[in-house]
């Protein structure tokens, strides 16, 4: 919870607590926001596994562009 100092109508300074904004999942390599990953924890807990992250290698961890380059590098290194 985030603590904020606010002045009440009586003139007293009070500390109020607010929830922090829900963050968006980001790519671990380039930092771009990931698509297909829900923001709410409620959706992550209750929904089916296929709705929690994309169905591909490293789905929900890295973006498709970074995955494409990583697979290219791995394929070229194995030759």
Protein backbone atom coordinates (compact mmCIF):
# COMPACT_ATOMS: atom_id res chain seq x y z
CA UNK A 1 0.00 0.00 0.00
CA UNK A 2 1.16 3.52 -0.77
CA UNK A 3 1.14 6.09 2.03
CA UNK A 4 -0.01 9.59 1.14
CA UNK A 5 -0.26 12.63 3.39
CA UNK A 6 -3.53 14.49 2.88
CA UNK A 7 -5.08 17.41 4.70
CA UNK A 8 -8.56 16.75 6.05
CA UNK A 9 -11.34 19.39 6.05
CA UNK A 10 -10.65 20.08 9.73
CA UNK A 11 -7.08 21.10 8.88
CA UNK A 12 -5.37 18.02 10.31
CA UNK A 13 -2.76 16.21 8.25
CA UNK A 14 -3.64 12.53 7.97
CA UNK A 15 -1.98 9.58 6.30
CA UNK A 16 -4.20 7.72 3.87
CA UNK A 17 -3.35 4.40 2.26
CA UNK A 18 -3.99 3.65 -1.41
CA UNK A 19 -3.42 0.53 -3.43
CA UNK A 20 -0.62 0.75 -5.97
CA UNK A 21 -1.39 0.56 -9.68
CA UNK A 22 -1.30 -2.88 -11.18
CA UNK A 23 1.82 -3.22 -13.28
CA UNK A 24 1.95 -4.59 -16.80
CA UNK A 25 4.15 -7.61 -17.51
CA UNK A 26 7.28 -6.61 -19.46
CA UNK A 27 9.73 -8.52 -21.63
CA UNK A 28 12.79 -9.62 -19.66
CA UNK A 29 15.15 -8.74 -22.52
CA UNK A 30 13.93 -5.55 -24.19
CA UNK A 31 11.43 -4.28 -21.57
CA UNK A 32 8.50 -3.95 -23.98
CA UNK A 33 5.02 -4.55 -22.47
CA UNK A 34 3.78 -8.09 -23.11
CA UNK A 35 0.48 -8.72 -24.84
CA UNK A 36 -1.79 -11.55 -23.75
CA UNK A 37 -0.85 -11.46 -20.06
CA UNK A 38 -3.63 -10.26 -17.72
CA UNK A 39 -3.00 -7.38 -15.36
CA UNK A 40 -5.23 -8.48 -12.48
CA UNK A 41 -4.10 -11.12 -10.00
CA UNK A 42 -7.70 -12.31 -9.81
CA UNK A 43 -7.60 -13.30 -13.49
CA UNK A 44 -4.31 -15.10 -12.95
CA UNK A 45 -5.67 -17.11 -10.03
CA UNK A 46 -9.11 -18.00 -11.31
CA UNK A 47 -8.78 -18.38 -15.07
CA UNK A 48 -7.63 -21.41 -17.03
CA UNK A 49 -3.93 -21.93 -17.69
CA UNK A 50 -4.25 -20.94 -21.36
CA UNK A 51 -5.70 -17.53 -20.42
CA UNK A 52 -2.83 -16.71 -18.06
CA UNK A 53 -0.07 -16.41 -20.67
CA UNK A 54 0.51 -17.07 -24.39
CA UNK A 55 0.96 -20.70 -25.46
CA UNK A 56 4.51 -20.63 -26.82
CA UNK A 57 8.07 -20.98 -25.61
CA UNK A 58 8.76 -18.43 -22.87
CA UNK A 59 5.17 -17.18 -23.13
CA UNK A 60 4.57 -14.41 -20.62
CA UNK A 61 8.31 -13.92 -20.05
CA UNK A 62 9.79 -12.53 -23.27
CA UNK A 63 8.16 -10.90 -26.30
CA UNK A 64 7.84 -12.72 -29.64
CA UNK A 65 10.52 -10.60 -31.33
CA UNK A 66 13.13 -11.40 -28.66
CA UNK A 67 12.10 -15.07 -28.78
CA UNK A 68 12.58 -15.10 -32.56
CA UNK A 69 16.10 -13.69 -32.28
CA UNK A 70 16.98 -16.05 -29.41
CA UNK A 71 15.81 -19.07 -31.42
CA UNK A 72 17.83 -17.91 -34.43
CA UNK A 73 20.95 -17.56 -32.29
CA UNK A 74 20.40 -20.99 -30.71
CA UNK A 75 19.79 -22.66 -34.08
CA UNK A 76 22.91 -21.11 -35.62
CA UNK A 77 25.01 -22.07 -32.60
CA UNK A 78 23.95 -25.73 -32.83
CA UNK A 79 25.33 -26.09 -36.40
